[in-house]
PDB file of N, CA and C in Angstrom:
ATOM      1  N   MET A   1     -47.813  24.447 -37.525  1.00  0.00           N
ATOM      2  CA  MET A   1     -47.536  23.055 -37.235  1.00  0.00           C
ATOM      3  C   MET A   1     -48.844  22.291 -37.123  1.00  0.00           C
ATOM      4  N   ALA A   2     -48.846  21.140 -37.685  1.00  0.00           N
ATOM      5  CA  ALA A   2     -50.070  20.359 -37.718  1.00  0.00           C
ATOM      6  C   ALA A   2     -50.335  19.627 -36.404  1.00  0.00           C
ATOM      7  N   ASN A   3     -49.292  19.286 -35.675  1.00  0.00           N
ATOM      8  CA  ASN A   3     -49.452  18.412 -34.515  1.00  0.00           C
ATOM      9  C   ASN A   3     -48.930  19.095 -33.244  1.00  0.00           C
ATOM     10  N   GLU A   4     -49.640  20.106 -32.748  1.00  0.00           N
ATOM     11  CA  GLU A   4     -49.161  20.878 -31.610  1.00  0.00           C
ATOM     12  C   GLU A   4     -49.775  20.456 -30.285  1.00  0.00           C
ATOM     13  N   HIS A   5     -50.539  19.371 -30.238  1.00  0.00           N
ATOM     14  CA  HIS A   5     -51.168  18.963 -28.981  1.00  0.00           C
ATOM     15  C   HIS A   5     -50.122  18.600 -27.922  1.00  0.00           C
ATOM     16  N   TRP A   6     -48.922  18.229 -28.321  1.00  0.00           N
ATOM     17  CA  TRP A   6     -47.863  17.908 -27.363  1.00  0.00           C
ATOM     18  C   TRP A   6     -47.460  19.137 -26.561  1.00  0.00           C
ATOM     19  N   PHE A   7     -47.762  20.306 -27.103  1.00  0.00           N
ATOM     20  CA  PHE A   7     -47.352  21.560 -26.474  1.00  0.00           C
ATOM     21  C   PHE A   7     -48.300  21.995 -25.357  1.00  0.00           C
ATOM     22  N   THR A   8     -49.474  21.386 -25.276  1.00  0.00           N
ATOM     23  CA  THR A   8     -50.438  21.702 -24.228  1.00  0.00           C
ATOM     24  C   THR A   8     -50.473  20.528 -23.256  1.00  0.00           C
ATOM     25  N   PRO A   9     -49.784  20.668 -22.134  1.00  0.00           N
ATOM     26  CA  PRO A   9     -49.670  19.522 -21.230  1.00  0.00           C
ATOM     27  C   PRO A   9     -50.965  19.211 -20.489  1.00  0.00           C
ATOM     28  N   GLU A  10     -51.200  17.940 -20.317  1.00  0.00           N
ATOM     29  CA  GLU A  10     -52.305  17.447 -19.495  1.00  0.00           C
ATOM     30  C   GLU A  10     -51.667  16.817 -18.262  1.00  0.00           C
ATOM     31  N   LEU A  11     -52.062  17.279 -17.087  1.00  0.00           N
ATOM     32  CA  LEU A  11     -51.503  16.718 -15.866  1.00  0.00           C
ATOM     33  C   LEU A  11     -52.127  15.360 -15.572  1.00  0.00           C
ATOM     34  N   SER A  12     -51.275  14.436 -15.138  1.00  0.00           N
ATOM     35  CA  SER A  12     -51.788  13.137 -14.708  1.00  0.00           C
ATOM     36  C   SER A  12     -52.572  13.342 -13.412  1.00  0.00           C
ATOM     37  N   LEU A  13     -53.372  12.364 -13.039  1.00  0.00           N
ATOM     38  CA  LEU A  13     -54.146  12.470 -11.796  1.00  0.00           C
ATOM     39  C   LEU A  13     -53.243  12.657 -10.570  1.00  0.00           C
ATOM     40  N   PRO A  14     -52.134  11.920 -10.443  1.00  0.00           N
ATOM     41  CA  PRO A  14     -51.265  12.165  -9.286  1.00  0.00           C
ATOM     42  C   PRO A  14     -50.693  13.589  -9.255  1.00  0.00           C
ATOM     43  N   ARG A  15     -50.352  14.125 -10.439  1.00  0.00           N
ATOM     44  CA  ARG A  15     -49.834  15.500 -10.485  1.00  0.00           C
ATOM     45  C   ARG A  15     -50.937  16.508 -10.154  1.00  0.00           C
ATOM     46  N   GLN A  16     -52.157  16.240 -10.587  1.00  0.00           N
ATOM     47  CA  GLN A  16     -53.274  17.118 -10.243  1.00  0.00           C
ATOM     48  C   GLN A  16     -53.481  17.138  -8.728  1.00  0.00           C
ATOM     49  N   LEU A  17     -53.356  15.979  -8.104  1.00  0.00           N
ATOM     50  CA  LEU A  17     -53.495  15.894  -6.652  1.00  0.00           C
ATOM     51  C   LEU A  17     -52.390  16.688  -5.957  1.00  0.00           C
ATOM     52  N   GLU A  18     -51.147  16.537  -6.423  1.00  0.00           N
ATOM     53  CA  GLU A  18     -50.036  17.306  -5.847  1.00  0.00           C
ATOM     54  C   GLU A  18     -50.294  18.806  -5.977  1.00  0.00           C
ATOM     55  N   ARG A  19     -50.765  19.214  -7.147  1.00  0.00           N
ATOM     56  CA  ARG A  19     -51.044  20.628  -7.375  1.00  0.00           C
ATOM     57  C   ARG A  19     -52.109  21.131  -6.405  1.00  0.00           C
ATOM     58  N   GLU A  20     -53.170  20.363  -6.226  1.00  0.00           N
ATOM     59  CA  GLU A  20     -54.248  20.774  -5.319  1.00  0.00           C
ATOM     60  C   GLU A  20     -53.747  20.851  -3.882  1.00  0.00           C
ATOM     61  N   ILE A  21     -52.949  19.902  -3.464  1.00  0.00           N
ATOM     62  CA  ILE A  21     -52.378  19.934  -2.108  1.00  0.00           C
ATOM     63  C   ILE A  21     -51.522  21.185  -1.937  1.00  0.00           C
ATOM     64  N   ASP A  22     -50.687  21.492  -2.921  1.00  0.00           N
ATOM     65  CA  ASP A  22     -49.838  22.689  -2.856  1.00  0.00           C
ATOM     66  C   ASP A  22     -50.675  23.961  -2.823  1.00  0.00           C
ATOM     67  N   ARG A  23     -51.741  24.014  -3.605  1.00  0.00           N
ATOM     68  CA  ARG A  23     -52.604  25.203  -3.614  1.00  0.00           C
ATOM     69  C   ARG A  23     -53.261  25.404  -2.256  1.00  0.00           C
ATOM     70  N   ARG A  24     -53.733  24.329  -1.666  1.00  0.00           N
ATOM     71  CA  ARG A  24     -54.378  24.441  -0.357  1.00  0.00           C
ATOM     72  C   ARG A  24     -53.377  24.827   0.721  1.00  0.00           C
ATOM     73  N   HIS A  25     -52.169  24.283   0.601  1.00  0.00           N
ATOM     74  CA  HIS A  25     -51.115  24.648   1.553  1.00  0.00           C
ATOM     75  C   HIS A  25     -50.798  26.142   1.440  1.00  0.00           C
ATOM     76  N   ALA A  26     -50.680  26.639   0.203  1.00  0.00           N
ATOM     77  CA  ALA A  26     -50.376  28.059  -0.013  1.00  0.00           C
ATOM     78  C   ALA A  26     -51.495  28.946   0.532  1.00  0.00           C
ATOM     79  N   ALA A  27     -52.731  28.498   0.435  1.00  0.00           N
ATOM     80  CA  ALA A  27     -53.870  29.287   0.923  1.00  0.00           C
ATOM     81  C   ALA A  27     -53.816  29.460   2.445  1.00  0.00           C
ATOM     82  N   ARG A  28     -53.129  28.558   3.135  1.00  0.00           N
ATOM     83  CA  ARG A  28     -53.028  28.644   4.602  1.00  0.00           C
ATOM     84  C   ARG A  28     -51.746  29.337   5.073  1.00  0.00           C
ATOM     85  N   MET A  29     -50.869  29.729   4.155  1.00  0.00           N
ATOM     86  CA  MET A  29     -49.585  30.329   4.538  1.00  0.00           C
ATOM     87  C   MET A  29     -49.781  31.763   5.030  1.00  0.00           C
ATOM     88  N   ASP A  30     -48.880  32.185   5.929  1.00  0.00           N
ATOM     89  CA  ASP A  30     -48.916  33.586   6.354  1.00  0.00           C
ATOM     90  C   ASP A  30     -48.201  34.451   5.316  1.00  0.00           C
ATOM     91  N   ARG A  31     -48.310  35.758   5.490  1.00  0.00           N
ATOM     92  CA  ARG A  31     -47.798  36.705   4.502  1.00  0.00           C
ATOM     93  C   ARG A  31     -46.290  36.552   4.262  1.00  0.00           C
ATOM     94  N   ASN A  32     -45.514  36.354   5.310  1.00  0.00           N
ATOM     95  CA  ASN A  32     -44.065  36.224   5.146  1.00  0.00           C
ATOM     96  C   ASN A  32     -43.703  34.968   4.359  1.00  0.00           C
ATOM     97  N   ASP A  33     -44.334  33.847   4.698  1.00  0.00           N
ATOM     98  CA  ASP A  33     -44.058  32.610   3.974  1.00  0.00           C
ATOM     99  C   ASP A  33     -44.498  32.718   2.519  1.00  0.00           C
ATOM    100  N   LEU A  34     -45.625  33.389   2.276  1.00  0.00           N
ATOM    101  CA  LEU A  34     -46.083  33.593   0.902  1.00  0.00           C
ATOM    102  C   LEU A  34     -45.091  34.436   0.114  1.00  0.00           C
ATOM    103  N   SER A  35     -44.528  35.445   0.766  1.00  0.00           N
ATOM    104  CA  SER A  35     -43.548  36.311   0.109  1.00  0.00           C
ATOM    105  C   SER A  35     -42.324  35.506  -0.325  1.00  0.00           C
ATOM    106  N   VAL A  36     -41.856  34.622   0.534  1.00  0.00           N
ATOM    107  CA  VAL A  36     -40.708  33.769   0.208  1.00  0.00           C
ATOM    108  C   VAL A  36     -41.065  32.840  -0.956  1.00  0.00           C
ATOM    109  N   LEU A  37     -42.251  32.260  -0.893  1.00  0.00           N
ATOM    110  CA  LEU A  37     -42.691  31.357  -1.954  1.00  0.00           C
ATOM    111  C   LEU A  37     -42.824  32.085  -3.287  1.00  0.00           C
ATOM    112  N   VAL A  38     -43.413  33.269  -3.276  1.00  0.00           N
ATOM    113  CA  VAL A  38     -43.580  34.050  -4.505  1.00  0.00           C
ATOM    114  C   VAL A  38     -42.222  34.387  -5.106  1.00  0.00           C
ATOM    115  N   ASP A  39     -41.251  34.765  -4.271  1.00  0.00           N
ATOM    116  CA  ASP A  39     -39.915  35.067  -4.768  1.00  0.00           C
ATOM    117  C   ASP A  39     -39.312  33.846  -5.470  1.00  0.00           C
ATOM    118  N   LYS A  40     -39.427  32.693  -4.830  1.00  0.00           N
ATOM    119  CA  LYS A  40     -38.901  31.453  -5.428  1.00  0.00           C
ATOM    120  C   LYS A  40     -39.602  31.148  -6.748  1.00  0.00           C
ATOM    121  N   LEU A  41     -40.911  31.310  -6.779  1.00  0.00           N
ATOM    122  CA  LEU A  41     -41.667  31.024  -8.000  1.00  0.00           C
ATOM    123  C   LEU A  41     -41.284  31.965  -9.144  1.00  0.00           C
ATOM    124  N   ILE A  42     -41.043  33.232  -8.812  1.00  0.00           N
ATOM    125  CA  ILE A  42     -40.633  34.188  -9.843  1.00  0.00           C
ATOM    126  C   ILE A  42     -39.285  33.788 -10.431  1.00  0.00           C
ATOM    127  N   VAL A  43     -38.334  33.442  -9.581  1.00  0.00           N
ATOM    128  CA  VAL A  43     -37.013  33.016 -10.057  1.00  0.00           C
ATOM    129  C   VAL A  43     -37.144  31.758 -10.916  1.00  0.00           C
ATOM    130  N   ASP A  44     -37.906  30.785 -10.424  1.00  0.00           N
ATOM    131  CA  ASP A  44     -38.107  29.544 -11.178  1.00  0.00           C
ATOM    132  C   ASP A  44     -38.794  29.811 -12.516  1.00  0.00           C
ATOM    133  N   TRP A  45     -39.776  30.709 -12.520  1.00  0.00           N
ATOM    134  CA  TRP A  45     -40.527  31.034 -13.731  1.00  0.00           C
ATOM    135  C   TRP A  45     -39.593  31.540 -14.830  1.00  0.00           C
ATOM    136  N   TYR A  46     -38.716  32.474 -14.486  1.00  0.00           N
ATOM    137  CA  TYR A  46     -37.815  33.028 -15.486  1.00  0.00           C
ATOM    138  C   TYR A  46     -36.812  31.979 -15.968  1.00  0.00           C
ATOM    139  N   ARG A  47     -36.325  31.163 -15.070  1.00  0.00           N
ATOM    140  CA  ARG A  47     -35.387  30.105 -15.460  1.00  0.00           C
ATOM    141  C   ARG A  47     -36.081  29.123 -16.406  1.00  0.00           C
ATOM    142  N   GLN A  48     -37.290  28.725 -16.070  1.00  0.00           N
ATOM    143  CA  GLN A  48     -38.005  27.769 -16.908  1.00  0.00           C
ATOM    144  C   GLN A  48     -38.405  28.376 -18.248  1.00  0.00           C
ATOM    145  N   ASN A  49     -38.760  29.660 -18.272  1.00  0.00           N
ATOM    146  CA  ASN A  49     -39.067  30.330 -19.539  1.00  0.00           C
ATOM    147  C   ASN A  49     -37.854  30.314 -20.457  1.00  0.00           C
ATOM    148  N   GLU A  50     -36.688  30.604 -19.897  1.00  0.00           N
ATOM    149  CA  GLU A  50     -35.459  30.588 -20.693  1.00  0.00           C
ATOM    150  C   GLU A  50     -35.197  29.183 -21.229  1.00  0.00           C
ATOM    151  N   LEU A  51     -35.389  28.186 -20.388  1.00  0.00           N
ATOM    152  CA  LEU A  51     -35.186  26.803 -20.814  1.00  0.00           C
ATOM    153  C   LEU A  51     -36.156  26.426 -21.932  1.00  0.00           C
ATOM    154  N   VAL A  52     -37.423  26.771 -21.774  1.00  0.00           N
ATOM    155  CA  VAL A  52     -38.422  26.463 -22.806  1.00  0.00           C
ATOM    156  C   VAL A  52     -38.068  27.174 -24.112  1.00  0.00           C
ATOM    157  N   ASP A  53     -37.668  28.440 -24.030  1.00  0.00           N
ATOM    158  CA  ASP A  53     -37.283  29.173 -25.246  1.00  0.00           C
ATOM    159  C   ASP A  53     -36.113  28.491 -25.949  1.00  0.00           C
ATOM    160  N   ARG A  54     -35.116  28.077 -25.184  1.00  0.00           N
ATOM    161  CA  ARG A  54     -33.959  27.396 -25.783  1.00  0.00           C
ATOM    162  C   ARG A  54     -34.366  26.058 -26.395  1.00  0.00           C
ATOM    163  N   LEU A  55     -35.185  25.313 -25.681  1.00  0.00           N
ATOM    164  CA  LEU A  55     -35.612  24.012 -26.197  1.00  0.00           C
ATOM    165  C   LEU A  55     -36.451  24.160 -27.465  1.00  0.00           C
ATOM    166  N   LEU A  56     -37.341  25.142 -27.501  1.00  0.00           N
ATOM    167  CA  LEU A  56     -38.132  25.370 -28.708  1.00  0.00           C
ATOM    168  C   LEU A  56     -37.244  25.805 -29.869  1.00  0.00           C
ATOM    169  N   GLY A  57     -36.212  26.587 -29.580  1.00  0.00           N
ATOM    170  CA  GLY A  57     -35.246  26.954 -30.616  1.00  0.00           C
ATOM    171  C   GLY A  57     -34.565  25.724 -31.181  1.00  0.00           C
ATOM    172  N   LYS A  58     -34.187  24.805 -30.290  1.00  0.00           N
ATOM    173  CA  LYS A  58     -33.555  23.563 -30.735  1.00  0.00           C
ATOM    174  C   LYS A  58     -34.532  22.721 -31.557  1.00  0.00           C
ATOM    175  N   VAL A  59     -35.794  22.673 -31.143  1.00  0.00           N
ATOM    176  CA  VAL A  59     -36.811  21.935 -31.905  1.00  0.00           C
ATOM    177  C   VAL A  59     -36.932  22.526 -33.307  1.00  0.00           C
ATOM    178  N   ARG A  60     -36.987  23.860 -33.384  1.00  0.00           N
ATOM    179  CA  ARG A  60     -37.091  24.503 -34.699  1.00  0.00           C
ATOM    180  C   ARG A  60     -35.879  24.171 -35.565  1.00  0.00           C
ATOM    181  N   GLN A  61     -34.698  24.199 -34.954  1.00  0.00           N
ATOM    182  CA  GLN A  61     -33.481  23.874 -35.688  1.00  0.00           C
ATOM    183  C   GLN A  61     -33.534  22.438 -36.222  1.00  0.00           C
ATOM    184  N   LEU A  62     -33.961  21.514 -35.365  1.00  0.00           N
ATOM    185  CA  LEU A  62     -34.051  20.110 -35.788  1.00  0.00           C
ATOM    186  C   LEU A  62     -35.100  19.917 -36.871  1.00  0.00           C
ATOM    187  N   GLN A  63     -36.206  20.658 -36.781  1.00  0.00           N
ATOM    188  CA  GLN A  63     -37.229  20.561 -37.817  1.00  0.00           C
ATOM    189  C   GLN A  63     -36.685  21.021 -39.167  1.00  0.00           C
ATOM    190  N   VAL A  64     -35.899  22.083 -39.143  1.00  0.00           N
ATOM    191  CA  VAL A  64     -35.288  22.567 -40.387  1.00  0.00           C
ATOM    192  C   VAL A  64     -34.313  21.524 -40.926  1.00  0.00           C
ATOM    193  N   GLU A  65     -33.506  20.949 -40.043  1.00  0.00           N
ATOM    194  CA  GLU A  65     -32.547  19.935 -40.482  1.00  0.00           C
ATOM    195  C   GLU A  65     -33.258  18.729 -41.088  1.00  0.00           C
ATOM    196  N   VAL A  66     -34.361  18.303 -40.484  1.00  0.00           N
ATOM    197  CA  VAL A  66     -35.117  17.173 -41.022  1.00  0.00           C
ATOM    198  C   VAL A  66     -35.703  17.546 -42.388  1.00  0.00           C
ATOM    199  N   ALA A  67     -36.260  18.735 -42.475  1.00  0.00           N
ATOM    200  CA  ALA A  67     -36.843  19.168 -43.751  1.00  0.00           C
ATOM    201  C   ALA A  67     -35.767  19.237 -44.831  1.00  0.00           C
ATOM    202  N   LEU A  68     -34.601  19.757 -44.479  1.00  0.00           N
ATOM    203  CA  LEU A  68     -33.530  19.868 -45.466  1.00  0.00           C
ATOM    204  C   LEU A  68     -32.970  18.503 -45.851  1.00  0.00           C
ATOM    205  N   SER A  69     -32.928  17.589 -44.895  1.00  0.00           N
ATOM    206  CA  SER A  69     -32.370  16.274 -45.200  1.00  0.00           C
ATOM    207  C   SER A  69     -33.291  15.463 -46.109  1.00  0.00           C
ATOM    208  N   SER A  70     -34.580  15.758 -46.069  1.00  0.00           N
ATOM    209  CA  SER A  70     -35.514  15.020 -46.923  1.00  0.00           C
ATOM    210  C   SER A  70     -35.864  15.790 -48.195  1.00  0.00           C
ATOM    211  N   ALA A  71     -35.297  16.969 -48.343  1.00  0.00           N
ATOM    212  CA  ALA A  71     -35.558  17.765 -49.544  1.00  0.00           C
ATOM    213  C   ALA A  71     -34.737  17.217 -50.709  1.00  0.00           C
ATOM    214  N   PRO A  72     -35.231  17.381 -51.920  1.00  0.00           N
ATOM    215  CA  PRO A  72     -34.446  16.925 -53.067  1.00  0.00           C
ATOM    216  C   PRO A  72     -33.150  17.728 -53.174  1.00  0.00           C
ATOM    217  N   PRO A  73     -32.105  17.108 -53.690  1.00  0.00           N
ATOM    218  CA  PRO A  73     -30.825  17.820 -53.800  1.00  0.00           C
ATOM    219  C   PRO A  73     -30.956  19.052 -54.692  1.00  0.00           C
ATOM    220  N   THR A  74     -30.202  20.052 -54.355  1.00  0.00           N
ATOM    221  CA  THR A  74     -30.216  21.293 -55.128  1.00  0.00           C
ATOM    222  C   THR A  74     -28.876  21.469 -55.807  1.00  0.00           C
ATOM    223  N   LYS A  75     -28.790  22.481 -56.601  1.00  0.00           N
ATOM    224  CA  LYS A  75     -27.532  22.767 -57.287  1.00  0.00           C
ATOM    225  C   LYS A  75     -26.447  23.058 -56.252  1.00  0.00           C
ATOM    226  N   PRO A  76     -25.246  22.540 -56.481  1.00  0.00           N
ATOM    227  CA  PRO A  76     -24.178  22.780 -55.511  1.00  0.00           C
ATOM    228  C   PRO A  76     -23.661  24.212 -55.525  1.00  0.00           C
ATOM    229  N   ASP A  77     -23.889  24.950 -56.612  1.00  0.00           N
ATOM    230  CA  ASP A  77     -23.379  26.310 -56.676  1.00  0.00           C
ATOM    231  C   ASP A  77     -24.369  27.287 -56.038  1.00  0.00           C
ATOM    232  N   VAL A  78     -23.966  27.825 -54.891  1.00  0.00           N
ATOM    233  CA  VAL A  78     -24.788  28.769 -54.140  1.00  0.00           C
ATOM    234  C   VAL A  78     -24.084  30.114 -54.193  1.00  0.00           C
ATOM    235  N   SER A  79     -24.858  31.168 -54.410  1.00  0.00           N
ATOM    236  CA  SER A  79     -24.244  32.489 -54.518  1.00  0.00           C
ATOM    237  C   SER A  79     -23.724  32.955 -53.156  1.00  0.00           C
ATOM    238  N   GLU A  80     -22.771  33.827 -53.193  1.00  0.00           N
ATOM    239  CA  GLU A  80     -22.209  34.394 -51.968  1.00  0.00           C
ATOM    240  C   GLU A  80     -23.278  35.152 -51.177  1.00  0.00           C
ATOM    241  N   ASP A  81     -24.215  35.790 -51.885  1.00  0.00           N
ATOM    242  CA  ASP A  81     -25.298  36.510 -51.210  1.00  0.00           C
ATOM    243  C   ASP A  81     -26.139  35.564 -50.364  1.00  0.00           C
ATOM    244  N   HIS A  82     -26.447  34.392 -50.918  1.00  0.00           N
ATOM    245  CA  HIS A  82     -27.233  33.419 -50.169  1.00  0.00           C
ATOM    246  C   HIS A  82     -26.465  32.897 -48.962  1.00  0.00           C
ATOM    247  N   LEU A  83     -25.189  32.644 -49.121  1.00  0.00           N
ATOM    248  CA  LEU A  83     -24.376  32.183 -47.991  1.00  0.00           C
ATOM    249  C   LEU A  83     -24.327  33.241 -46.894  1.00  0.00           C
ATOM    250  N   LEU A  84     -24.188  34.493 -47.273  1.00  0.00           N
ATOM    251  CA  LEU A  84     -24.154  35.586 -46.304  1.00  0.00           C
ATOM    252  C   LEU A  84     -25.493  35.712 -45.583  1.00  0.00           C
ATOM    253  N   MET A  85     -26.603  35.621 -46.330  1.00  0.00           N
ATOM    254  CA  MET A  85     -27.925  35.707 -45.706  1.00  0.00           C
ATOM    255  C   MET A  85     -28.128  34.543 -44.737  1.00  0.00           C
ATOM    256  N   ALA A  86     -27.707  33.347 -45.134  1.00  0.00           N
ATOM    257  CA  ALA A  86     -27.852  32.181 -44.257  1.00  0.00           C
ATOM    258  C   ALA A  86     -27.021  32.363 -42.988  1.00  0.00           C
ATOM    259  N   LYS A  87     -25.808  32.874 -43.136  1.00  0.00           N
ATOM    260  CA  LYS A  87     -24.945  33.104 -41.972  1.00  0.00           C
ATOM    261  C   LYS A  87     -25.589  34.111 -41.019  1.00  0.00           C
ATOM    262  N   GLU A  88     -26.119  35.202 -41.557  1.00  0.00           N
ATOM    263  CA  GLU A  88     -26.754  36.226 -40.728  1.00  0.00           C
ATOM    264  C   GLU A  88     -27.984  35.665 -40.015  1.00  0.00           C
ATOM    265  N   LEU A  89     -28.773  34.870 -40.714  1.00  0.00           N
ATOM    266  CA  LEU A  89     -29.960  34.275 -40.117  1.00  0.00           C
ATOM    267  C   LEU A  89     -29.575  33.319 -38.998  1.00  0.00           C
ATOM    268  N   ARG A  90     -28.569  32.498 -39.215  1.00  0.00           N
ATOM    269  CA  ARG A  90     -28.112  31.566 -38.174  1.00  0.00           C
ATOM    270  C   ARG A  90     -27.618  32.333 -36.950  1.00  0.00           C
ATOM    271  N   GLU A  91     -26.918  33.435 -37.154  1.00  0.00           N
ATOM    272  CA  GLU A  91     -26.441  34.261 -36.044  1.00  0.00           C
ATOM    273  C   GLU A  91     -27.610  34.851 -35.267  1.00  0.00           C
ATOM    274  N   GLN A  92     -28.627  35.339 -35.977  1.00  0.00           N
ATOM    275  CA  GLN A  92     -29.797  35.920 -35.331  1.00  0.00           C
ATOM    276  C   GLN A  92     -30.550  34.884 -34.503  1.00  0.00           C
ATOM    277  N   LEU A  93     -30.600  33.653 -35.009  1.00  0.00           N
ATOM    278  CA  LEU A  93     -31.318  32.580 -34.296  1.00  0.00           C
ATOM    279  C   LEU A  93     -30.445  31.909 -33.249  1.00  0.00           C
ATOM    280  N   GLY A  94     -29.168  32.255 -33.211  1.00  0.00           N
ATOM    281  CA  GLY A  94     -28.277  31.654 -32.222  1.00  0.00           C
ATOM    282  C   GLY A  94     -27.926  30.209 -32.552  1.00  0.00           C
ATOM    283  N   ILE A  95     -27.927  29.892 -33.848  1.00  0.00           N
ATOM    284  CA  ILE A  95     -27.602  28.535 -34.283  1.00  0.00           C
ATOM    285  C   ILE A  95     -26.121  28.499 -34.632  1.00  0.00           C
ATOM    286  N   ASP A  96     -25.438  27.494 -34.106  1.00  0.00           N
ATOM    287  CA  ASP A  96     -23.999  27.372 -34.390  1.00  0.00           C
ATOM    288  C   ASP A  96     -23.725  26.993 -35.803  1.00  0.00           C
TER     289      ASP A  96
END
């Protein structure tokens, strides 16, 4: 992809400040409170990873749709082998 800078987030100054406050707060926490926080972060991490994976899958799907919509028309007769391969690929990618 030519334009991937959107994928590397830059935190705004207010968000950087929030992050620093949270880091300093965590540095002062006792072991039990840290354990609770780490558990929450692990759960959130996996949930957010799943969300990002799904969203990137949707982005890829939309990119293909855009590419296909702007592609020159092709012959309407498609072989059964190609239809089967396309169906299998869509199933593997989880595309409806």
